[in-house]
Protein backbone atom coordinates (compact mmCIF):
# COMPACT_ATOMS: atom_id res chain seq x y z
CA UNK A 1 -0.11 -0.03 -0.06
CA UNK A 2 1.29 3.93 -0.93
CA UNK A 3 3.54 4.78 2.15
CA UNK A 4 5.00 1.28 3.16
CA UNK A 5 7.66 -0.39 1.79
CA UNK A 6 5.89 -3.65 1.82
CA UNK A 7 3.30 -5.52 2.52
CA UNK A 8 1.37 -3.51 5.49
CA UNK A 9 1.90 -6.02 9.13
CA UNK A 10 -0.81 -5.16 11.45
CA UNK A 11 1.36 -5.33 14.45
CA UNK A 12 4.23 -2.77 13.28
CA UNK A 13 1.87 -0.49 11.21
CA UNK A 14 -1.22 0.00 13.24
CA UNK A 15 -4.17 1.39 12.51
CA UNK A 16 -4.84 3.10 16.39
CA UNK A 17 -8.91 3.45 18.23
CA UNK A 18 -8.68 6.17 21.09
CA UNK A 19 -11.47 7.25 22.91
CA UNK A 20 -12.64 10.64 25.10
CA UNK A 21 -11.99 10.12 28.48
CA UNK A 22 -14.48 8.10 30.71
CA UNK A 23 -16.39 7.39 27.34
CA UNK A 24 -16.08 3.73 25.37
CA UNK A 25 -14.67 3.53 21.96
CA UNK A 26 -17.05 0.98 20.08
CA UNK A 27 -20.40 -0.52 21.41
CA UNK A 28 -21.79 -2.76 19.60
CA UNK A 29 -25.32 -3.31 19.69
CA UNK A 30 -27.57 -6.34 20.26
CA UNK A 31 -28.05 -8.36 17.02
CA UNK A 32 -27.43 -11.56 15.48
CA UNK A 33 -25.26 -10.57 12.03
CA UNK A 34 -21.75 -10.96 12.46
CA UNK A 35 -19.57 -8.21 13.75
CA UNK A 36 -16.27 -8.06 12.63
CA UNK A 37 -13.27 -6.58 14.29
CA UNK A 38 -9.70 -7.14 12.89
CA UNK A 39 -6.20 -5.84 13.14
CA UNK A 40 -7.08 -2.51 15.25
CA UNK A 41 -5.18 -1.54 18.01
CA UNK A 42 -6.82 0.17 21.17
CA UNK A 43 -5.40 2.43 23.15
CA UNK A 44 -7.45 3.96 26.06
CA UNK A 45 -4.12 6.49 27.26
CA UNK A 46 -5.31 5.65 30.91
CA UNK A 47 -8.54 7.96 30.11
CA UNK A 48 -10.97 6.18 28.02
CA UNK A 49 -13.08 3.47 29.78
CA UNK A 50 -13.34 0.73 27.78
CA UNK A 51 -12.12 -0.16 24.33
CA UNK A 52 -15.05 -2.51 22.95
CA UNK A 53 -18.60 -2.79 24.82
CA UNK A 54 -20.46 -5.85 22.83
CA UNK A 55 -24.27 -6.82 23.89
CA UNK A 56 -26.10 -9.66 22.80
CA UNK A 57 -24.39 -9.93 19.48
CA UNK A 58 -22.67 -12.27 17.60
CA UNK A 59 -18.76 -11.55 17.76
CA UNK A 60 -15.30 -12.15 16.05
CA UNK A 61 -12.23 -10.05 17.22
CA UNK A 62 -8.55 -10.55 15.68
CA UNK A 63 -5.95 -9.61 15.77
CA UNK A 64 -6.43 -6.82 18.35
CA UNK A 65 -4.28 -4.85 20.74
CA UNK A 66 -6.54 -4.00 23.34
CA UNK A 67 -4.23 -1.76 26.87
CA UNK A 68 -4.29 1.33 28.83
CA UNK A 69 -8.01 1.44 29.45
CA UNK A 70 -8.92 2.79 32.40
CA UNK A 71 -11.95 -0.06 33.26
CA UNK A 72 -12.09 -3.34 31.58
CA UNK A 73 -10.46 -3.80 28.00
CA UNK A 74 -13.49 -5.12 26.79
CA UNK A 75 -17.09 -6.28 28.31
CA UNK A 76 -19.45 -8.88 26.80
CA UNK A 77 -22.67 -8.86 28.30
CA UNK A 78 -26.42 -10.34 27.31
CA UNK A 79 -29.93 -9.33 28.84
CA UNK A 80 -31.50 -12.09 31.40
CA UNK A 81 -34.43 -12.48 28.90
CA UNK A 82 -34.96 -15.53 26.75
CA UNK A 83 -33.19 -14.57 23.96
CA UNK A 84 -30.13 -12.83 25.37
CA UNK A 85 -27.08 -14.21 24.01
CA UNK A 86 -23.18 -13.28 23.43
CA UNK A 87 -21.67 -15.58 20.74
CA UNK A 88 -18.44 -16.05 18.88
CA UNK A 89 -14.66 -16.12 19.07
CA UNK A 90 -11.55 -13.95 20.12
CA UNK A 91 -8.40 -14.33 18.88
CA UNK A 92 -4.64 -13.59 18.75
CA UNK A 93 -5.83 -10.36 20.36
CA UNK A 94 -3.67 -8.86 23.35
CA UNK A 95 -5.28 -7.47 25.92
CA UNK A 96 -2.50 -5.44 28.76
CA UNK A 97 -2.29 -2.67 31.44
CA UNK A 98 -6.41 -2.19 31.90
CA UNK A 99 -7.33 -1.15 35.05
CA UNK A 100 -10.02 -3.35 35.63
CA UNK A 101 -10.24 -6.94 34.02
CA UNK A 102 -8.67 -7.62 30.72
CA UNK A 103 -11.98 -9.35 29.27
CA UNK A 104 -15.19 -9.14 31.20
CA UNK A 105 -18.06 -11.33 30.33
CA UNK A 106 -21.53 -11.75 31.54
CA UNK A 107 -24.51 -13.92 31.18
CA UNK A 108 -25.52 -16.57 28.80
CA UNK A 109 -22.73 -16.87 26.57
CA UNK A 110 -20.97 -19.66 23.69
CA UNK A 111 -17.73 -17.85 23.38
CA UNK A 112 -14.13 -19.15 22.75
CA UNK A 113 -10.42 -17.57 23.16
CA UNK A 114 -7.61 -18.60 21.93
CA UNK A 115 -4.20 -17.66 21.26
CA UNK A 116 -4.62 -14.85 23.55
CA UNK A 117 -2.63 -13.19 25.82
CA UNK A 118 -3.85 -11.25 28.68
CA UNK A 119 -1.25 -9.66 30.65
CA UNK A 120 -1.13 -6.80 33.78
CA UNK A 121 -3.94 -5.91 33.81
CA UNK A 122 -5.69 -4.17 37.02
CA UNK A 123 -8.08 -7.15 38.40
CA UNK A 124 -8.55 -10.37 36.39
CA UNK A 125 -7.23 -11.66 33.30
CA UNK A 126 -10.64 -13.06 32.22
CA UNK A 127 -13.34 -12.95 34.49
CA UNK A 128 -16.43 -15.00 33.84
CA UNK A 129 -19.40 -13.31 36.14
CA UNK A 130 -21.88 -14.63 36.34
CA UNK A 131 -22.23 -16.97 33.67
CA UNK A 132 -25.76 -17.33 33.30
CA UNK A 133 -26.95 -21.03 32.00
CA UNK A 134 -30.38 -21.23 30.25
CA UNK A 135 -32.72 -24.59 30.81
CA UNK A 136 -32.32 -26.45 27.81
CA UNK A 137 -29.78 -24.58 26.31
CA UNK A 138 -25.93 -24.77 25.98
CA UNK A 139 -23.56 -22.17 27.87
CA UNK A 140 -20.09 -22.15 26.82
CA UNK A 141 -16.23 -20.98 27.14
CA UNK A 142 -13.86 -22.25 25.74
CA UNK A 143 -9.42 -21.23 25.94
CA UNK A 144 -7.12 -22.52 24.27
CA UNK A 145 -3.04 -21.65 24.05
CA UNK A 146 -3.42 -18.48 25.96
CA UNK A 147 -1.43 -16.76 28.26
CA UNK A 148 -2.62 -15.50 31.65
CA UNK A 149 -0.20 -13.65 33.55
CA UNK A 150 0.99 -11.07 36.19
CA UNK A 151 -2.87 -9.92 36.17
CA UNK A 152 -3.48 -8.07 39.99
CA UNK A 153 -6.30 -10.63 41.36
CA UNK A 154 -7.35 -13.83 39.89
CA UNK A 155 -6.24 -14.64 36.58
CA UNK A 156 -8.96 -16.41 35.48
CA UNK A 157 -12.39 -16.12 37.44
CA UNK A 158 -15.12 -17.80 36.54
CA UNK A 159 -18.65 -17.72 38.24
CA UNK A 160 -21.73 -19.93 37.07
CA UNK A 161 -25.29 -19.00 38.61
CA UNK A 162 -28.34 -20.88 38.61
CA UNK A 163 -29.82 -21.44 35.05
CA UNK A 164 -32.92 -19.28 33.93
CA UNK A 165 -35.69 -20.97 32.67
CA UNK A 166 -38.02 -23.87 32.79
CA UNK A 167 -38.76 -27.13 31.55
CA UNK A 168 -37.49 -30.92 31.81
CA UNK A 169 -34.56 -30.57 29.46
CA UNK A 170 -30.87 -29.81 31.79
CA UNK A 171 -29.22 -26.21 30.92
CA UNK A 172 -25.44 -27.78 29.94
CA UNK A 173 -22.50 -25.77 30.64
CA UNK A 174 -19.27 -26.45 28.96
CA UNK A 175 -16.01 -24.97 30.37
CA UNK A 176 -12.66 -26.00 28.67
CA UNK A 177 -9.62 -24.83 29.74
CA UNK A 178 -6.80 -26.61 26.92
CA UNK A 179 -3.25 -25.45 26.65
CA UNK A 180 -3.40 -22.43 28.99
CA UNK A 181 -0.23 -20.92 30.65
CA UNK A 182 -1.32 -19.19 34.11
CA UNK A 183 1.65 -17.64 35.81
CA UNK A 184 2.67 -15.22 38.24
CA UNK A 185 -1.36 -13.72 39.16
CA UNK A 186 -2.04 -12.00 41.77
CA UNK A 187 -4.09 -14.06 43.74
CA UNK A 188 -5.14 -17.50 42.62
CA UNK A 189 -4.26 -18.42 38.74
CA UNK A 190 -7.74 -19.94 38.17
CA UNK A 191 -10.91 -20.09 40.56
CA UNK A 192 -13.82 -21.70 39.08
CA UNK A 193 -17.27 -21.12 41.49
CA UNK A 194 -20.18 -23.46 40.75
CA UNK A 195 -22.59 -21.32 42.88
CA UNK A 196 -26.03 -22.76 41.84
CA UNK A 197 -27.76 -25.50 44.72
CA UNK A 198 -26.93 -29.50 44.25
CA UNK A 199 -30.12 -30.46 42.90
CA UNK A 200 -29.91 -27.41 40.09
CA UNK A 201 -30.96 -29.30 36.54
CA UNK A 202 -27.80 -28.54 35.39
CA UNK A 203 -25.01 -30.75 33.04
CA UNK A 204 -22.06 -29.65 34.04
CA UNK A 205 -18.71 -30.16 32.59
CA UNK A 206 -15.52 -28.44 33.47
CA UNK A 207 -12.00 -30.08 31.90
CA UNK A 208 -8.54 -28.32 32.27
CA UNK A 209 -5.87 -30.17 30.53
CA UNK A 210 -2.82 -29.62 29.43
CA UNK A 211 -2.25 -26.66 30.77
CA UNK A 212 0.61 -24.59 33.33
CA UNK A 213 -0.03 -22.54 36.25
CA UNK A 214 2.77 -21.60 37.80
CA UNK A 215 3.83 -18.88 40.72
CA UNK A 216 0.56 -17.55 41.33
CA UNK A 217 0.47 -15.96 44.69
CA UNK A 218 -2.08 -18.45 45.40
CA UNK A 219 -3.08 -21.64 44.80
CA UNK A 220 -3.01 -22.32 40.92
CA UNK A 221 -6.76 -22.77 40.95
CA UNK A 222 -9.61 -22.81 43.03
CA UNK A 223 -12.50 -25.14 42.76
CA UNK A 224 -15.54 -24.09 44.71
CA UNK A 225 -18.35 -26.64 43.99
CA UNK A 226 -21.76 -26.04 45.30
CA UNK A 227 -23.03 -28.66 43.11
CA UNK A 228 -21.50 -32.14 41.29
CA UNK A 229 -20.39 -32.49 38.02
CA UNK A 230 -17.98 -33.63 35.40
CA UNK A 231 -14.75 -31.85 37.04
CA UNK A 232 -11.66 -33.10 35.51
CA UNK A 233 -8.05 -31.70 35.81
CA UNK A 234 -5.82 -33.70 33.51
CA UNK A 235 -1.91 -33.57 32.31
CA UNK A 236 -1.24 -30.37 33.66
CA UNK A 237 1.52 -29.01 35.56
CA UNK A 238 1.21 -26.99 38.87
CA UNK A 239 4.60 -25.29 40.04
CA UNK A 240 5.99 -22.59 42.65
CA UNK A 241 2.14 -21.49 43.74
CA UNK A 242 2.80 -19.74 46.80
CA UNK A 243 -0.92 -20.55 48.22
CA UNK A 244 -1.31 -23.00 51.18
CA UNK A 245 -1.96 -25.53 48.20
CA UNK A 246 -1.26 -25.97 44.34
CA UNK A 247 -4.45 -26.88 44.03
CA UNK A 248 -7.55 -25.91 46.33
CA UNK A 249 -11.18 -27.65 46.02
CA UNK A 250 -13.84 -26.37 48.29
CA UNK A 251 -17.87 -26.20 48.11
CA UNK A 252 -20.98 -27.79 49.98
CA UNK A 253 -22.24 -30.63 48.14
CA UNK A 254 -21.54 -34.19 49.20
CA UNK A 255 -21.85 -35.51 45.75
CA UNK A 256 -19.15 -32.78 43.99
CA UNK A 257 -16.14 -35.31 42.80
CA UNK A 258 -13.14 -33.91 41.67
CA UNK A 259 -10.46 -35.58 39.21
CA UNK A 260 -7.22 -34.67 39.20
CA UNK A 261 -4.94 -37.59 36.85
CA UNK A 262 -1.95 -37.40 35.34
CA UNK A 263 -0.44 -33.66 36.21
CA UNK A 264 2.91 -32.77 37.89
CA UNK A 265 2.46 -30.98 41.12
CA UNK A 266 5.76 -29.61 42.65
CA UNK A 267 7.41 -26.74 44.61
CA UNK A 268 4.80 -25.33 46.77
CA UNK A 269 4.95 -24.20 50.26
CA UNK A 270 3.02 -26.46 51.98
CA UNK A 271 0.02 -29.28 50.15
CA UNK A 272 -0.14 -30.62 46.80
CA UNK A 273 -3.29 -30.77 47.13
CA UNK A 274 -6.41 -29.83 49.92
CA UNK A 275 -9.61 -30.64 50.08
CA UNK A 276 -11.85 -28.62 52.65
CA UNK A 277 -15.27 -28.95 53.04
CA UNK A 278 -17.71 -31.83 51.82
CA UNK A 279 -16.42 -32.58 48.53
CA UNK A 280 -15.03 -35.77 47.01
CA UNK A 281 -11.51 -36.05 45.34
CA UNK A 282 -9.63 -38.64 43.27
CA UNK A 283 -6.07 -37.86 42.21
CA UNK A 284 -4.50 -40.15 40.14
CA UNK A 285 -1.02 -41.19 38.29
CA UNK A 286 0.21 -37.92 39.52
CA UNK A 287 4.16 -37.18 40.69
CA UNK A 288 4.47 -34.67 43.35
CA UNK A 289 8.22 -33.33 44.09
CA UNK A 290 9.52 -30.90 46.54
CA UNK A 291 6.55 -29.57 48.02
CA UNK A 292 6.64 -27.97 51.70
CA UNK A 293 3.86 -30.19 53.36
CA UNK A 294 1.31 -33.70 52.71
CA UNK A 295 1.16 -34.23 48.78
CA UNK A 296 -2.49 -34.56 49.50
CA UNK A 297 -4.41 -33.06 52.40
CA UNK A 298 -8.41 -33.67 53.64
CA UNK A 299 -9.79 -33.45 57.74
CA UNK A 300 -11.15 -36.80 57.04
CA UNK A 301 -10.50 -39.18 60.00
CA UNK A 302 -12.26 -42.16 58.36
CA UNK A 303 -10.13 -41.54 55.15
CA UNK A 304 -13.12 -42.16 52.87
CA UNK A 305 -13.92 -38.92 50.81
CA UNK A 306 -10.39 -38.73 49.32
CA UNK A 307 -7.96 -41.16 47.40
CA UNK A 308 -4.59 -41.18 45.92
CA UNK A 309 -4.12 -44.19 43.29
CA UNK A 310 -0.65 -44.92 41.53
CA UNK A 311 0.97 -41.41 42.78
CA UNK A 312 4.33 -41.11 43.80
CA UNK A 313 7.17 -38.26 44.26
CA UNK A 314 9.44 -37.15 46.76
CA UNK A 315 8.17 -35.32 49.94
CA UNK A 316 5.56 -35.82 52.69
CA UNK A 317 2.82 -38.29 52.86
CA UNK A 318 -0.94 -37.71 52.31
CA UNK A 319 -3.18 -36.99 55.42
CA UNK A 320 -6.89 -38.09 55.02
CA UNK A 321 -6.78 -39.71 52.55
CA UNK A 322 -6.95 -43.16 51.19
CA UNK A 323 -3.82 -44.85 49.59
CA UNK A 324 -3.41 -46.76 46.87
CA UNK A 325 -0.57 -47.75 44.86
CA UNK A 326 3.23 -45.97 45.22
CA UNK A 327 3.92 -43.87 48.30
CA UNK A 328 5.99 -40.94 48.61
CA UNK A 329 9.84 -41.42 49.45
CA UNK A 330 12.04 -38.55 51.40
CA UNK A 331 14.41 -38.55 48.60
CA UNK A 332 17.38 -37.19 50.91
CA UNK A 333 20.91 -36.94 49.74
CA UNK A 334 19.37 -38.47 46.36
CA UNK A 335 21.48 -36.54 43.06
CA UNK A 336 18.02 -35.62 41.25
CA UNK A 337 16.61 -32.69 39.41
CA UNK A 338 14.74 -30.36 41.30
CA UNK A 339 12.68 -27.58 42.10
CA UNK A 340 13.35 -24.42 44.37
CA UNK A 341 11.88 -21.27 44.56
CA UNK A 342 13.89 -17.81 44.55
CA UNK A 343 12.83 -15.75 47.92
CA UNK A 344 15.68 -12.86 47.28
CA UNK A 345 17.28 -11.09 44.29
CA UNK A 346 20.64 -9.87 44.91
CA UNK A 347 22.99 -8.19 43.02
CA UNK A 348 25.09 -11.07 41.80
CA UNK A 349 23.25 -14.19 43.33
CA UNK A 350 19.76 -15.26 44.60
CA UNK A 351 18.44 -17.16 47.27
CA UNK A 352 16.34 -19.78 47.49
CA UNK A 353 14.07 -21.77 49.07
CA UNK A 354 14.47 -25.50 49.48
CA UNK A 355 13.32 -28.55 50.91
CA UNK A 356 15.37 -30.67 53.68
CA UNK A 357 15.18 -33.57 51.13
CA UNK A 358 16.59 -31.42 48.09
CA UNK A 359 20.45 -32.05 47.74
CA UNK A 360 22.42 -29.31 46.04
CA UNK A 361 25.16 -29.51 43.94
CA UNK A 362 28.40 -27.11 43.76
CA UNK A 363 28.16 -26.15 40.43
CA UNK A 364 24.69 -26.06 38.60
CA UNK A 365 21.85 -25.09 36.45
CA UNK A 366 18.91 -22.76 37.56
CA UNK A 367 16.38 -24.03 34.14
CA UNK A 368 13.59 -22.13 33.16
CA UNK A 369 10.50 -24.54 33.83
CA UNK A 370 9.10 -23.54 30.19
CA UNK A 371 12.35 -24.41 28.61
CA UNK A 372 13.04 -21.11 27.74
CA UNK A 373 16.91 -20.70 29.89
CA UNK A 374 19.37 -22.51 31.58
CA UNK A 375 21.69 -20.05 34.13
CA UNK A 376 24.76 -21.12 35.39
CA UNK A 377 25.24 -21.30 38.99
CA UNK A 378 27.84 -22.13 41.80
CA UNK A 379 26.10 -22.59 45.46
CA UNK A 380 27.02 -20.74 48.58
CA UNK A 381 26.10 -21.19 51.95
CA UNK A 382 23.09 -20.00 53.37
CA UNK A 383 20.74 -21.50 50.33
CA UNK A 384 22.45 -18.79 48.16
CA UNK A 385 23.34 -19.58 44.59
CA UNK A 386 25.64 -17.15 42.17
CA UNK A 387 24.86 -16.48 39.27
CA UNK A 388 27.02 -15.79 36.04
CA UNK A 389 26.99 -13.11 33.80
CA UNK A 390 24.73 -10.61 35.51
CA UNK A 391 21.91 -13.23 35.30
CA UNK A 392 20.88 -12.17 38.02
CA UNK A 393 18.78 -8.63 37.47
CA UNK A 394 17.04 -10.95 35.16
CA UNK A 395 15.26 -13.14 37.43
CA UNK A 396 11.71 -12.43 39.13
CA UNK A 397 10.81 -12.88 43.26
CA UNK A 398 8.92 -15.98 43.89
CA UNK A 399 10.00 -17.60 40.48
CA UNK A 400 10.64 -21.54 40.11
CA UNK A 401 13.25 -22.93 38.60
CA UNK A 402 14.47 -26.65 37.99
CA UNK A 403 17.85 -27.50 39.48
CA UNK A 404 20.03 -29.66 37.25
CA UNK A 405 23.40 -30.81 36.33
CA UNK A 406 23.09 -30.73 32.64
CA UNK A 407 22.53 -27.69 30.75
CA UNK A 408 19.32 -28.76 29.22
CA UNK A 409 15.89 -30.14 30.49
CA UNK A 410 16.35 -34.08 31.60
CA UNK A 411 13.60 -35.62 29.25
CA UNK A 412 10.76 -36.57 31.19
CA UNK A 413 11.93 -40.35 31.47
CA UNK A 414 14.98 -39.65 32.65
CA UNK A 415 13.05 -37.30 35.31
CA UNK A 416 10.14 -39.67 36.20
CA UNK A 417 13.18 -42.34 36.93
CA UNK A 418 14.47 -39.98 39.46
CA UNK A 419 11.65 -38.75 41.10
CA UNK A 420 9.08 -41.48 40.99
CA UNK A 421 8.44 -45.11 42.67
CA UNK A 422 7.21 -47.95 40.51
CA UNK A 423 3.61 -48.67 40.82
CA UNK A 424 1.98 -51.43 43.17
CA UNK A 425 1.39 -53.81 39.87
CA UNK A 426 4.49 -53.64 38.75
CA UNK A 427 3.47 -52.20 34.77
CA UNK A 428 5.53 -48.87 35.12
CA UNK A 429 6.31 -45.92 37.14
CA UNK A 430 3.76 -44.44 39.43
CA UNK A 431 3.98 -41.11 37.84
CA UNK A 432 1.86 -39.36 34.50
CA UNK A 433 2.52 -41.73 31.67
CA UNK A 434 3.62 -40.34 28.25
CA UNK A 435 7.13 -38.51 26.80
CA UNK A 436 6.25 -34.99 27.54
CA UNK A 437 6.21 -33.21 30.89
CA UNK A 438 2.84 -32.45 31.79
CA UNK A 439 1.25 -28.88 30.53
CA UNK A 440 1.39 -27.00 27.63
CA UNK A 441 3.92 -28.57 26.14
CA UNK A 442 1.81 -31.74 25.41
CA UNK A 443 -0.80 -29.60 23.28
CA UNK A 444 0.10 -31.27 20.14
CA UNK A 445 -1.40 -34.49 21.22
CA UNK A 446 -4.84 -35.45 22.13
CA UNK A 447 -5.97 -35.51 25.89
CA UNK A 448 -6.83 -38.51 27.73
CA UNK A 449 -10.54 -38.64 28.97
CA UNK A 450 -11.04 -42.17 29.99
CA UNK A 451 -14.64 -43.86 31.17
CA UNK A 452 -14.65 -42.21 34.61
CA UNK A 453 -17.22 -41.24 37.57
CA UNK A 454 -19.20 -38.02 37.78
CA UNK A 455 -21.13 -39.05 40.80
CA UNK A 456 -21.61 -41.60 43.11
CA UNK A 457 -24.95 -41.74 45.46
CA UNK A 458 -25.02 -42.67 48.27
CA UNK A 459 -21.54 -40.27 48.40
CA UNK A 460 -18.81 -42.23 50.33
CA UNK A 461 -20.17 -41.95 54.49
CA UNK A 462 -21.77 -44.02 57.12
CA UNK A 463 -24.64 -45.76 55.74
CA UNK A 464 -27.23 -48.01 57.76
CA UNK A 465 -26.61 -51.60 57.59
CA UNK A 466 -29.13 -53.53 55.88
CA UNK A 467 -30.22 -55.73 53.10
CA UNK A 468 -30.08 -54.74 49.55
CA UNK A 469 -27.99 -51.55 49.70
CA UNK A 470 -27.90 -49.87 46.35
CA UNK A 471 -25.39 -47.45 44.86
CA UNK A 472 -25.89 -45.33 41.88
CA UNK A 473 -22.92 -44.33 39.85
CA UNK A 474 -23.07 -41.55 36.70
CA UNK A 475 -20.49 -41.69 34.54
CA UNK A 476 -18.67 -39.28 31.74
CA UNK A 477 -19.97 -42.10 29.08
CA UNK A 478 -21.84 -45.51 28.72
CA UNK A 479 -19.43 -48.67 28.99
CA UNK A 480 -19.25 -50.84 26.16
CA UNK A 481 -20.53 -53.56 29.02
CA UNK A 482 -21.51 -54.47 32.33
CA UNK A 483 -18.28 -54.08 34.48
CA UNK A 484 -17.29 -56.74 36.57
CA UNK A 485 -17.98 -55.07 40.48
CA UNK A 486 -16.14 -56.51 43.40
CA UNK A 487 -17.67 -55.47 46.44
CA UNK A 488 -15.66 -56.20 49.75
CA UNK A 489 -16.81 -56.05 53.91
CA UNK A 490 -14.06 -55.82 55.78
CA UNK A 491 -11.74 -57.85 52.73
CA UNK A 492 -13.98 -60.07 51.90
CA UNK A 493 -16.11 -60.81 48.94
CA UNK A 494 -19.69 -60.33 48.86
CA UNK A 495 -22.22 -61.30 46.55
CA UNK A 496 -23.55 -58.21 44.12
CA UNK A 497 -25.72 -57.38 40.96
CA UNK A 498 -25.01 -54.85 38.83
CA UNK A 499 -26.91 -52.85 35.43
CA UNK A 500 -26.41 -50.25 33.27
CA UNK A 501 -29.26 -47.54 32.53
CA UNK A 502 -27.36 -45.50 30.10
CA UNK A 503 -24.95 -43.58 31.65
CA UNK A 504 -26.07 -44.94 34.87
CA UNK A 505 -24.56 -48.00 36.43
CA UNK A 506 -26.26 -49.59 39.27
CA UNK A 507 -24.48 -51.46 42.23
CA UNK A 508 -26.86 -53.52 44.47
CA UNK A 509 -25.72 -55.74 47.50
CA UNK A 510 -27.72 -59.09 47.98
CA UNK A 511 -26.53 -60.09 51.53
CA UNK A 512 -26.76 -57.93 54.82
CA UNK A 513 -23.98 -55.97 55.40
CA UNK A 514 -23.28 -56.15 59.25
CA UNK A 515 -22.80 -53.55 61.82
CA UNK A 516 -19.31 -52.21 61.96
CA UNK A 517 -18.34 -53.19 58.63
CA UNK A 518 -15.60 -51.06 55.57
CA UNK A 519 -17.45 -51.86 52.66
CA UNK A 520 -15.39 -51.63 49.29
CA UNK A 521 -16.45 -51.31 45.88
CA UNK A 522 -14.17 -51.70 42.80
CA UNK A 523 -14.17 -52.11 39.04
CA UNK A 524 -11.87 -51.39 36.07
CA UNK A 525 -13.87 -48.82 33.93
CA UNK A 526 -12.18 -50.05 30.64
CA UNK A 527 -10.36 -53.90 30.86
CA UNK A 528 -10.24 -53.45 27.32
CA UNK A 529 -7.37 -50.73 27.11
CA UNK A 530 -6.51 -49.99 30.87
CA UNK A 531 -5.32 -53.28 32.42
CA UNK A 532 -5.64 -54.77 35.83
CA UNK A 533 -4.28 -51.40 37.76
CA UNK A 534 -6.46 -48.86 36.48
CA UNK A 535 -9.01 -49.27 39.33
CA UNK A 536 -12.11 -46.93 40.55
CA UNK A 537 -12.54 -47.79 44.12
CA UNK A 538 -14.78 -45.70 46.53
CA UNK A 539 -15.18 -46.94 50.37
CA UNK A 540 -18.30 -46.75 53.19
CA UNK A 541 -18.24 -47.38 56.77
CA UNK A 542 -21.66 -49.29 57.69
CA UNK A 543 -22.83 -47.85 60.94
CA UNK A 544 -22.45 -49.60 63.88
CA UNK A 545 -25.30 -51.33 66.21
CA UNK A 546 -25.53 -47.78 68.54
CA UNK A 547 -26.28 -45.91 64.79
CA UNK A 548 -22.41 -44.62 64.69
């Protein structure tokens, strides 16, 4: 084009839109004609209110830079009537240095954000508050390959309210986070709050996959579930988050089961995973390394509500948790890669926080967990590392690093060989499977979604004694055949009947279950693919003669 020496590039040849003080730059009125916004730079100059306000519309926003607005970067909202909806996609956009949220979304939505960066905003990077489902329809928010970093509140905040409307078909809610990097936010990295009642007519699926949560001021993820749903965290890494726990699970539902599978959870100050309140937790094939306290913590002396299966690592064993598979080991004085957090940055060195069981070499390398940098060091007394070439100036307080004697990241197979234990069945390590580190580096492969349990009724607790007790499992998908169920009481096999009704598995005891016993139901969800080691299991106590 005239005035350019070559083809125009929106990243270089900016088309800048700016707004008047306290005014919005662009307002999109309601309507279902597609509105396309591509290649603009919205500059609020710390005076304009918001870049884009979209109300009940169909949008596609791409290749835009939105920064320095006094309030939010963009706001997408819908009315509460039966026709209100905001639909569309936002991709390859940057939201930075806005006074409020980078992106604020409210109402009944079906939106996707892909390849976006939300960084250094005054509140959340993205806030969906509230998400309003609608009976008989699907509300959805998806994020892929996005970076949410250094925002001054929760990096990603989603609140799901009670559904609107009436009818017999459930409201469907879908939240998918895949391949996102959530780093250095000033609160939780991500927070998902299921706010509606437990008996609401909602089909909820939350899947957090192949993502990384690093160095956030509180937990990497906080899930607060007041109602059950398909709640799954898989193939993710949690490194150096600075709250009491890397993953926090709370909520008022006794039936809400959060599943955490094939994750690397490391370098937290205390707990790896913490279950508070009255929900359920199942942690499988995870690797815990260099956390300051128990790998899993649940305040359940009967060990009914939390299970740890085929997990291992180096650090303290879980508490209030039923353990199946390999336990964690101390790992003291082992020559191995280990995670450390930076607690003080000096002129030519850093002071690190290190666990008692981590052995530091005299010389070595600090490796960026994302694979970008390797910095050589010499160990000094007082957990101080002398760095070369003025590298200390580029290191952030609170950042997490992998200590290694080699300049390159160890392959995943080597890392788990030095940090994990073998599974009890001898069929491999008790650690996330695969050839790559869990997290965003695995985005090239499709996530593995095995058949699993969404809810079990009654939930693990104390049951009355008697005959023909029945359990009802709601599953993520229908099994190919009726599973072979093993029901035991204090280790003794008991007769049982099982039948399938769609995605529901019903299990019935065919004999009296005596007072005071401990009941266990276990089964293999996919025997044709998963082998004998993959077992779903839950336990209950039968009330004593005195009723407790």
